[in-house]
């Protein structure tokens, strides 16, 4: 009975207007998380390229090699997907139509960066990971310029 009365009362009250430009109104965005993930993709790609398969037929050596190779690939793919997720959040939640005046290539930049994330998942290609890092750096500069700042691009590795 009380629940019905409260529900009826709440339906009659005017709803408050909520303003948010994304799914969560926190307003906290930073391309650093995309950079960190992209750096992990680059690191794992370098490790995969440097990994040398055993020369013999020792099953223990091959098991260790296969385990290491599989782990590097899993991390590379996970981090490429994380990079894509972080880029898409910036693209779809932070950047608004008015940013297109300052960045006419905004959509193309993000689209190509997302495609590079996919290319890094399906290949072991250091040049693609370096292209991804360059794309994330471009996003970094666009983001901070849109905020009227010029934060330097710094990598962890």
N, C-alpha and C. Protein backbone atom coordinates (compact mmCIF):
# COMPACT_ATOMS: atom_id res chain seq x y z
N UNK A 1 0.82 -1.19 0.00
CA UNK A 1 0.00 0.00 0.00
C UNK A 1 0.87 1.26 0.00
N UNK A 2 1.85 1.29 0.92
CA UNK A 2 2.74 2.43 1.01
C UNK A 2 3.55 2.58 -0.28
N UNK A 3 3.99 1.45 -0.81
CA UNK A 3 4.77 1.44 -2.06
C UNK A 3 3.95 2.04 -3.21
N UNK A 4 2.70 1.69 -3.29
CA UNK A 4 1.81 2.20 -4.33
C UNK A 4 1.60 3.71 -4.18
N UNK A 5 1.46 4.17 -2.96
CA UNK A 5 1.26 5.60 -2.70
C UNK A 5 2.51 6.39 -3.08
N UNK A 6 3.68 5.90 -2.73
CA UNK A 6 4.94 6.58 -3.06
C UNK A 6 5.13 6.59 -4.57
N UNK A 7 4.87 5.48 -5.21
CA UNK A 7 5.00 5.39 -6.66
C UNK A 7 4.08 6.38 -7.35
N UNK A 8 2.85 6.49 -6.88
CA UNK A 8 1.87 7.42 -7.45
C UNK A 8 2.33 8.86 -7.26
N UNK A 9 2.87 9.17 -6.10
CA UNK A 9 3.36 10.52 -5.81
C UNK A 9 4.55 10.87 -6.71
N UNK A 10 5.49 9.94 -6.89
CA UNK A 10 6.67 10.19 -7.72
C UNK A 10 6.31 10.41 -9.18
N UNK A 11 5.25 9.76 -9.65
CA UNK A 11 4.82 9.93 -11.04
C UNK A 11 4.28 11.33 -11.29
N UNK A 12 3.79 11.97 -10.26
CA UNK A 12 3.21 13.31 -10.41
C UNK A 12 4.26 14.42 -10.33
N UNK A 13 5.42 14.13 -9.76
CA UNK A 13 6.47 15.14 -9.62
C UNK A 13 7.15 15.37 -10.97
N UNK A 14 7.55 16.59 -11.26
CA UNK A 14 8.26 16.81 -12.53
C UNK A 14 9.65 16.18 -12.48
N UNK A 15 10.02 15.60 -13.58
CA UNK A 15 11.34 14.96 -13.67
C UNK A 15 12.41 16.03 -13.79
N UNK A 16 13.53 15.80 -13.14
CA UNK A 16 14.65 16.73 -13.25
C UNK A 16 15.35 16.48 -14.58
N UNK A 17 15.81 17.55 -15.18
CA UNK A 17 16.51 17.44 -16.45
C UNK A 17 17.98 17.10 -16.16
N UNK A 18 18.46 16.03 -16.78
CA UNK A 18 19.85 15.62 -16.61
C UNK A 18 20.62 15.94 -17.88
N UNK A 19 21.79 16.51 -17.73
CA UNK A 19 22.63 16.84 -18.88
C UNK A 19 23.90 16.02 -18.82
N UNK A 20 24.17 15.30 -19.89
CA UNK A 20 25.41 14.52 -19.98
C UNK A 20 25.71 14.31 -21.44
N UNK A 21 26.97 14.31 -21.79
CA UNK A 21 27.35 14.10 -23.19
C UNK A 21 27.78 12.66 -23.44
N UNK A 22 27.63 11.81 -22.45
CA UNK A 22 28.02 10.42 -22.63
C UNK A 22 27.12 9.54 -21.76
N UNK A 23 27.45 8.25 -21.71
CA UNK A 23 26.66 7.32 -20.92
C UNK A 23 26.77 7.60 -19.43
N UNK A 24 27.89 8.14 -19.01
CA UNK A 24 28.11 8.48 -17.61
C UNK A 24 28.50 9.93 -17.52
N UNK A 25 27.86 10.72 -16.69
CA UNK A 25 28.12 12.16 -16.65
C UNK A 25 29.37 12.54 -15.86
N UNK A 26 30.36 11.67 -15.78
CA UNK A 26 31.55 11.97 -14.99
C UNK A 26 32.40 13.06 -15.61
N UNK A 27 32.47 13.11 -16.95
CA UNK A 27 33.26 14.12 -17.62
C UNK A 27 34.76 13.89 -17.55
N UNK A 28 35.17 12.71 -17.13
CA UNK A 28 36.59 12.41 -17.01
C UNK A 28 37.04 11.62 -18.23
N UNK A 29 37.86 12.26 -19.05
CA UNK A 29 38.39 11.62 -20.25
C UNK A 29 39.87 11.91 -20.32
N UNK A 30 40.62 10.96 -20.85
CA UNK A 30 42.05 11.14 -21.03
C UNK A 30 42.53 10.08 -22.01
N UNK A 31 43.25 10.46 -23.05
CA UNK A 31 43.73 9.47 -24.00
C UNK A 31 44.89 8.63 -23.47
N UNK A 32 45.32 8.87 -22.25
CA UNK A 32 46.45 8.12 -21.68
C UNK A 32 46.16 6.62 -21.63
N UNK A 33 44.94 6.24 -21.33
CA UNK A 33 44.63 4.81 -21.24
C UNK A 33 44.76 4.14 -22.60
N UNK A 34 44.41 4.86 -23.67
CA UNK A 34 44.60 4.30 -25.02
C UNK A 34 46.09 4.16 -25.33
N UNK A 35 46.87 5.15 -24.90
CA UNK A 35 48.32 5.08 -25.12
C UNK A 35 48.95 3.90 -24.40
N UNK A 36 48.57 3.70 -23.17
CA UNK A 36 49.14 2.60 -22.38
C UNK A 36 48.81 1.26 -23.02
N UNK A 37 47.57 1.09 -23.44
CA UNK A 37 47.18 -0.15 -24.10
C UNK A 37 47.92 -0.34 -25.42
N UNK A 38 48.03 0.72 -26.19
CA UNK A 38 48.74 0.64 -27.48
C UNK A 38 50.21 0.31 -27.27
N UNK A 39 50.80 0.87 -26.22
CA UNK A 39 52.20 0.54 -25.91
C UNK A 39 52.35 -0.94 -25.56
N UNK A 40 51.37 -1.49 -24.88
CA UNK A 40 51.42 -2.92 -24.56
C UNK A 40 51.35 -3.76 -25.83
N UNK A 41 50.55 -3.31 -26.80
CA UNK A 41 50.47 -4.01 -28.08
C UNK A 41 51.83 -3.99 -28.77
N UNK A 42 52.46 -2.83 -28.76
CA UNK A 42 53.79 -2.71 -29.36
C UNK A 42 54.80 -3.59 -28.64
N UNK A 43 54.78 -3.59 -27.34
CA UNK A 43 55.70 -4.40 -26.55
C UNK A 43 55.52 -5.89 -26.82
N UNK A 44 54.27 -6.35 -26.83
CA UNK A 44 54.01 -7.76 -27.08
C UNK A 44 54.41 -8.15 -28.51
N UNK A 45 54.19 -7.25 -29.45
CA UNK A 45 54.58 -7.54 -30.84
C UNK A 45 56.09 -7.69 -30.93
N UNK A 46 56.83 -6.81 -30.28
CA UNK A 46 58.29 -6.91 -30.27
C UNK A 46 58.74 -8.22 -29.62
N UNK A 47 58.10 -8.59 -28.53
CA UNK A 47 58.45 -9.84 -27.84
C UNK A 47 58.16 -11.05 -28.72
N UNK A 48 57.04 -11.01 -29.42
CA UNK A 48 56.70 -12.12 -30.32
C UNK A 48 57.71 -12.25 -31.45
N UNK A 49 58.11 -11.12 -32.01
CA UNK A 49 59.07 -11.15 -33.11
C UNK A 49 60.46 -11.61 -32.65
N UNK A 50 60.77 -11.35 -31.40
CA UNK A 50 62.07 -11.75 -30.86
C UNK A 50 62.09 -13.19 -30.35
N UNK A 51 60.92 -13.77 -30.19
CA UNK A 51 60.82 -15.13 -29.65
C UNK A 51 61.36 -16.14 -30.66
N UNK A 52 62.26 -16.97 -30.20
CA UNK A 52 62.88 -17.97 -31.08
C UNK A 52 62.35 -19.36 -30.74
N UNK A 53 61.81 -20.05 -31.75
CA UNK A 53 61.32 -21.40 -31.49
C UNK A 53 62.49 -22.35 -31.19
N UNK A 54 62.23 -23.37 -30.40
CA UNK A 54 63.30 -24.35 -30.12
C UNK A 54 63.74 -25.05 -31.41
N UNK A 55 65.00 -25.42 -31.47
CA UNK A 55 65.52 -26.08 -32.67
C UNK A 55 65.25 -27.58 -32.67
N UNK A 56 65.20 -28.16 -31.51
CA UNK A 56 65.02 -29.61 -31.43
C UNK A 56 63.56 -30.01 -31.32
N UNK A 57 63.38 -31.26 -30.94
CA UNK A 57 62.03 -31.81 -30.80
C UNK A 57 61.67 -32.07 -29.34
N UNK A 58 62.41 -31.46 -28.44
CA UNK A 58 62.15 -31.63 -27.01
C UNK A 58 60.77 -31.08 -26.68
N UNK A 59 59.88 -31.94 -26.24
CA UNK A 59 58.49 -31.54 -26.00
C UNK A 59 58.38 -30.51 -24.88
N UNK A 60 59.25 -30.58 -23.90
CA UNK A 60 59.23 -29.62 -22.80
C UNK A 60 59.61 -28.23 -23.31
N UNK A 61 60.63 -28.15 -24.16
CA UNK A 61 61.02 -26.86 -24.74
C UNK A 61 59.91 -26.29 -25.62
N UNK A 62 59.27 -27.16 -26.40
CA UNK A 62 58.19 -26.71 -27.27
C UNK A 62 56.98 -26.27 -26.45
N UNK A 63 56.71 -26.98 -25.36
CA UNK A 63 55.58 -26.60 -24.50
C UNK A 63 55.82 -25.21 -23.90
N UNK A 64 57.06 -24.97 -23.45
CA UNK A 64 57.40 -23.66 -22.89
C UNK A 64 57.28 -22.57 -23.96
N UNK A 65 57.80 -22.85 -25.15
CA UNK A 65 57.72 -21.90 -26.25
C UNK A 65 56.25 -21.61 -26.60
N UNK A 66 55.47 -22.65 -26.78
CA UNK A 66 54.05 -22.48 -27.15
C UNK A 66 53.28 -21.72 -26.07
N UNK A 67 53.59 -22.00 -24.82
CA UNK A 67 52.93 -21.30 -23.72
C UNK A 67 53.27 -19.81 -23.77
N UNK A 68 54.56 -19.51 -23.92
CA UNK A 68 55.00 -18.11 -23.97
C UNK A 68 54.40 -17.40 -25.18
N UNK A 69 54.46 -18.04 -26.33
CA UNK A 69 53.90 -17.47 -27.56
C UNK A 69 52.41 -17.17 -27.38
N UNK A 70 51.69 -18.14 -26.84
CA UNK A 70 50.23 -17.99 -26.64
C UNK A 70 49.92 -16.86 -25.68
N UNK A 71 50.70 -16.75 -24.62
CA UNK A 71 50.47 -15.68 -23.65
C UNK A 71 50.73 -14.32 -24.27
N UNK A 72 51.81 -14.18 -25.04
CA UNK A 72 52.11 -12.91 -25.70
C UNK A 72 50.99 -12.53 -26.67
N UNK A 73 50.52 -13.50 -27.42
CA UNK A 73 49.43 -13.23 -28.38
C UNK A 73 48.16 -12.82 -27.63
N UNK A 74 47.85 -13.53 -26.56
CA UNK A 74 46.63 -13.21 -25.79
C UNK A 74 46.69 -11.78 -25.25
N UNK A 75 47.83 -11.39 -24.70
CA UNK A 75 47.97 -10.04 -24.16
C UNK A 75 47.90 -9.01 -25.29
N UNK A 76 48.57 -9.28 -26.39
CA UNK A 76 48.56 -8.37 -27.55
C UNK A 76 47.13 -8.13 -28.03
N UNK A 77 46.37 -9.19 -28.19
CA UNK A 77 45.00 -9.06 -28.67
C UNK A 77 44.10 -8.37 -27.65
N UNK A 78 44.27 -8.71 -26.39
CA UNK A 78 43.47 -8.07 -25.34
C UNK A 78 43.75 -6.57 -25.29
N UNK A 79 45.02 -6.20 -25.38
CA UNK A 79 45.38 -4.79 -25.30
C UNK A 79 44.99 -4.02 -26.57
N UNK A 80 45.02 -4.68 -27.71
CA UNK A 80 44.54 -4.04 -28.94
C UNK A 80 43.04 -3.76 -28.83
N UNK A 81 42.30 -4.69 -28.27
CA UNK A 81 40.87 -4.48 -28.07
C UNK A 81 40.63 -3.37 -27.05
N UNK A 82 41.43 -3.33 -26.01
CA UNK A 82 41.31 -2.27 -25.00
C UNK A 82 41.63 -0.90 -25.61
N UNK A 83 42.64 -0.86 -26.46
CA UNK A 83 42.97 0.40 -27.15
C UNK A 83 41.79 0.86 -27.97
N UNK A 84 41.19 -0.07 -28.71
CA UNK A 84 40.03 0.27 -29.53
C UNK A 84 38.89 0.78 -28.66
N UNK A 85 38.64 0.12 -27.56
CA UNK A 85 37.56 0.53 -26.64
C UNK A 85 37.80 1.96 -26.14
N UNK A 86 39.03 2.24 -25.72
CA UNK A 86 39.34 3.57 -25.20
C UNK A 86 39.23 4.64 -26.28
N UNK A 87 39.66 4.32 -27.49
CA UNK A 87 39.53 5.27 -28.60
C UNK A 87 38.06 5.53 -28.93
N UNK A 88 37.27 4.47 -28.95
CA UNK A 88 35.85 4.62 -29.27
C UNK A 88 35.12 5.44 -28.22
N UNK A 89 35.52 5.32 -26.97
CA UNK A 89 34.91 6.14 -25.91
C UNK A 89 35.20 7.61 -26.18
N UNK A 90 36.45 7.92 -26.51
CA UNK A 90 36.79 9.31 -26.82
C UNK A 90 36.01 9.81 -28.03
N UNK A 91 35.99 8.98 -29.06
CA UNK A 91 35.34 9.37 -30.32
C UNK A 91 33.84 9.59 -30.14
N UNK A 92 33.18 8.65 -29.49
CA UNK A 92 31.73 8.71 -29.42
C UNK A 92 31.18 9.47 -28.22
N UNK A 93 31.94 9.56 -27.15
CA UNK A 93 31.43 10.21 -25.94
C UNK A 93 32.03 11.59 -25.69
N UNK A 94 33.32 11.76 -25.94
CA UNK A 94 33.94 13.05 -25.65
C UNK A 94 33.78 14.05 -26.81
N UNK A 95 34.24 13.66 -27.99
CA UNK A 95 34.22 14.59 -29.12
C UNK A 95 32.78 14.83 -29.58
N UNK A 96 32.49 16.09 -29.87
CA UNK A 96 31.14 16.51 -30.26
C UNK A 96 31.17 17.11 -31.67
N UNK A 97 30.03 17.30 -32.29
CA UNK A 97 30.00 17.86 -33.65
C UNK A 97 30.78 19.18 -33.78
N UNK A 98 30.76 20.00 -32.74
CA UNK A 98 31.47 21.27 -32.84
C UNK A 98 33.00 21.11 -32.94
N UNK A 99 33.52 19.95 -32.54
CA UNK A 99 34.96 19.70 -32.66
C UNK A 99 35.38 19.52 -34.12
N UNK A 100 34.43 19.21 -34.99
CA UNK A 100 34.77 19.00 -36.40
C UNK A 100 35.29 20.27 -37.07
N UNK A 101 34.91 21.41 -36.56
CA UNK A 101 35.43 22.67 -37.12
C UNK A 101 36.94 22.77 -36.91
N UNK A 102 37.39 22.35 -35.73
CA UNK A 102 38.83 22.39 -35.43
C UNK A 102 39.58 21.20 -35.99
N UNK A 103 38.88 20.08 -36.09
CA UNK A 103 39.51 18.83 -36.53
C UNK A 103 38.68 18.20 -37.64
N UNK A 104 38.78 18.69 -38.86
CA UNK A 104 37.96 18.15 -39.95
C UNK A 104 38.26 16.68 -40.25
N UNK A 105 39.44 16.20 -39.86
CA UNK A 105 39.79 14.80 -40.10
C UNK A 105 39.53 13.93 -38.87
N UNK A 106 38.74 14.43 -37.92
CA UNK A 106 38.48 13.71 -36.67
C UNK A 106 37.94 12.30 -36.92
N UNK A 107 36.88 12.19 -37.72
CA UNK A 107 36.27 10.88 -37.95
C UNK A 107 37.23 9.93 -38.66
N UNK A 108 37.93 10.43 -39.65
CA UNK A 108 38.89 9.60 -40.39
C UNK A 108 40.02 9.13 -39.47
N UNK A 109 40.48 10.01 -38.61
CA UNK A 109 41.56 9.67 -37.67
C UNK A 109 41.13 8.53 -36.75
N UNK A 110 39.95 8.65 -36.17
CA UNK A 110 39.48 7.61 -35.26
C UNK A 110 39.16 6.31 -36.00
N UNK A 111 38.56 6.43 -37.16
CA UNK A 111 38.21 5.23 -37.93
C UNK A 111 39.48 4.45 -38.28
N UNK A 112 40.49 5.16 -38.76
CA UNK A 112 41.75 4.50 -39.12
C UNK A 112 42.44 3.92 -37.88
N UNK A 113 42.39 4.62 -36.77
CA UNK A 113 42.99 4.11 -35.54
C UNK A 113 42.30 2.82 -35.09
N UNK A 114 40.97 2.79 -35.17
CA UNK A 114 40.23 1.57 -34.81
C UNK A 114 40.58 0.42 -35.74
N UNK A 115 40.74 0.73 -37.03
CA UNK A 115 41.13 -0.31 -37.99
C UNK A 115 42.53 -0.82 -37.69
N UNK A 116 43.43 0.05 -37.25
CA UNK A 116 44.78 -0.38 -36.88
C UNK A 116 44.74 -1.31 -35.66
N UNK A 117 43.83 -1.05 -34.74
CA UNK A 117 43.69 -1.95 -33.59
C UNK A 117 43.35 -3.35 -34.08
N UNK A 118 42.45 -3.44 -35.03
CA UNK A 118 42.07 -4.74 -35.59
C UNK A 118 43.24 -5.38 -36.32
N UNK A 119 43.99 -4.59 -37.08
CA UNK A 119 45.15 -5.12 -37.81
C UNK A 119 46.20 -5.65 -36.84
N UNK A 120 46.35 -4.99 -35.71
CA UNK A 120 47.32 -5.45 -34.71
C UNK A 120 46.88 -6.75 -34.04
N UNK A 121 45.58 -6.97 -33.98
CA UNK A 121 45.08 -8.21 -33.40
C UNK A 121 45.34 -9.39 -34.33
N UNK A 122 45.18 -9.21 -35.62
CA UNK A 122 45.25 -10.35 -36.54
C UNK A 122 46.64 -10.56 -37.15
N UNK A 123 47.57 -9.66 -36.85
CA UNK A 123 48.92 -9.79 -37.40
C UNK A 123 49.96 -9.64 -36.30
N UNK A 124 51.15 -10.07 -36.61
CA UNK A 124 52.31 -9.78 -35.76
C UNK A 124 53.21 -8.92 -36.63
N UNK A 125 52.90 -7.62 -36.65
CA UNK A 125 53.52 -6.69 -37.58
C UNK A 125 53.91 -5.42 -36.82
N UNK A 126 55.19 -5.26 -36.58
CA UNK A 126 55.65 -4.12 -35.80
C UNK A 126 55.32 -2.80 -36.48
N UNK A 127 55.34 -2.76 -37.80
CA UNK A 127 55.02 -1.50 -38.48
C UNK A 127 53.57 -1.08 -38.21
N UNK A 128 52.66 -2.05 -38.12
CA UNK A 128 51.25 -1.73 -37.80
C UNK A 128 51.13 -1.20 -36.37
N UNK A 129 51.90 -1.78 -35.46
CA UNK A 129 51.82 -1.30 -34.07
C UNK A 129 52.41 0.10 -33.95
N UNK A 130 53.44 0.38 -34.74
CA UNK A 130 54.02 1.73 -34.75
C UNK A 130 53.04 2.73 -35.37
N UNK A 131 52.31 2.30 -36.40
CA UNK A 131 51.25 3.15 -36.98
C UNK A 131 50.17 3.42 -35.94
N UNK A 132 49.83 2.38 -35.16
CA UNK A 132 48.83 2.55 -34.12
C UNK A 132 49.31 3.56 -33.08
N UNK A 133 50.55 3.47 -32.68
CA UNK A 133 51.09 4.44 -31.72
C UNK A 133 51.02 5.85 -32.28
N UNK A 134 51.35 6.01 -33.56
CA UNK A 134 51.28 7.34 -34.20
C UNK A 134 49.83 7.86 -34.23
N UNK A 135 48.89 6.96 -34.49
CA UNK A 135 47.47 7.35 -34.51
C UNK A 135 47.01 7.77 -33.12
N UNK A 136 47.42 7.02 -32.11
CA UNK A 136 47.04 7.36 -30.73
C UNK A 136 47.69 8.69 -30.33
N UNK A 137 48.91 8.92 -30.79
CA UNK A 137 49.55 10.21 -30.51
C UNK A 137 48.77 11.35 -31.16
N UNK A 138 48.30 11.15 -32.38
CA UNK A 138 47.50 12.17 -33.06
C UNK A 138 46.22 12.46 -32.27
N UNK A 139 45.56 11.40 -31.79
CA UNK A 139 44.36 11.56 -30.96
C UNK A 139 44.70 12.33 -29.69
N UNK A 140 45.83 11.99 -29.09
CA UNK A 140 46.30 12.67 -27.88
C UNK A 140 46.37 14.18 -28.12
N UNK A 141 47.01 14.59 -29.21
CA UNK A 141 47.17 16.01 -29.50
C UNK A 141 45.82 16.67 -29.82
N UNK A 142 44.95 15.99 -30.53
CA UNK A 142 43.63 16.53 -30.83
C UNK A 142 42.84 16.75 -29.52
N UNK A 143 42.90 15.74 -28.67
CA UNK A 143 42.16 15.80 -27.41
C UNK A 143 42.60 17.01 -26.58
N UNK A 144 43.91 17.12 -26.36
CA UNK A 144 44.39 18.20 -25.49
C UNK A 144 44.22 19.57 -26.14
N UNK A 145 44.33 19.65 -27.44
CA UNK A 145 44.08 20.92 -28.13
C UNK A 145 42.61 21.33 -27.95
N UNK A 146 41.71 20.32 -27.98
CA UNK A 146 40.29 20.63 -27.80
C UNK A 146 40.00 21.18 -26.41
N UNK A 147 40.88 20.91 -25.47
CA UNK A 147 40.73 21.41 -24.10
C UNK A 147 41.55 22.68 -23.88
N UNK A 148 42.20 23.17 -24.97
CA UNK A 148 43.00 24.38 -24.85
C UNK A 148 44.32 24.17 -24.15
N UNK A 149 44.79 22.93 -24.16
CA UNK A 149 46.07 22.61 -23.51
C UNK A 149 47.00 21.97 -24.52
N UNK A 150 48.26 21.92 -24.15
CA UNK A 150 49.25 21.29 -25.01
C UNK A 150 50.08 20.34 -24.16
N UNK A 151 49.49 19.23 -23.75
CA UNK A 151 50.20 18.25 -22.95
C UNK A 151 51.17 17.47 -23.82
N UNK A 152 52.36 17.26 -23.31
CA UNK A 152 53.38 16.56 -24.11
C UNK A 152 53.04 15.07 -24.21
N UNK A 153 53.49 14.50 -25.29
CA UNK A 153 53.31 13.07 -25.56
C UNK A 153 54.49 12.35 -24.92
N UNK A 154 54.21 11.54 -23.95
CA UNK A 154 55.25 10.79 -23.25
C UNK A 154 54.86 9.32 -23.22
N UNK A 155 55.78 8.47 -23.61
CA UNK A 155 55.52 7.03 -23.56
C UNK A 155 56.24 6.42 -22.38
N UNK A 156 55.76 5.29 -21.95
CA UNK A 156 56.36 4.61 -20.80
C UNK A 156 57.60 3.81 -21.19
N UNK A 157 57.66 3.42 -22.46
CA UNK A 157 58.81 2.60 -22.85
C UNK A 157 59.78 3.36 -23.72
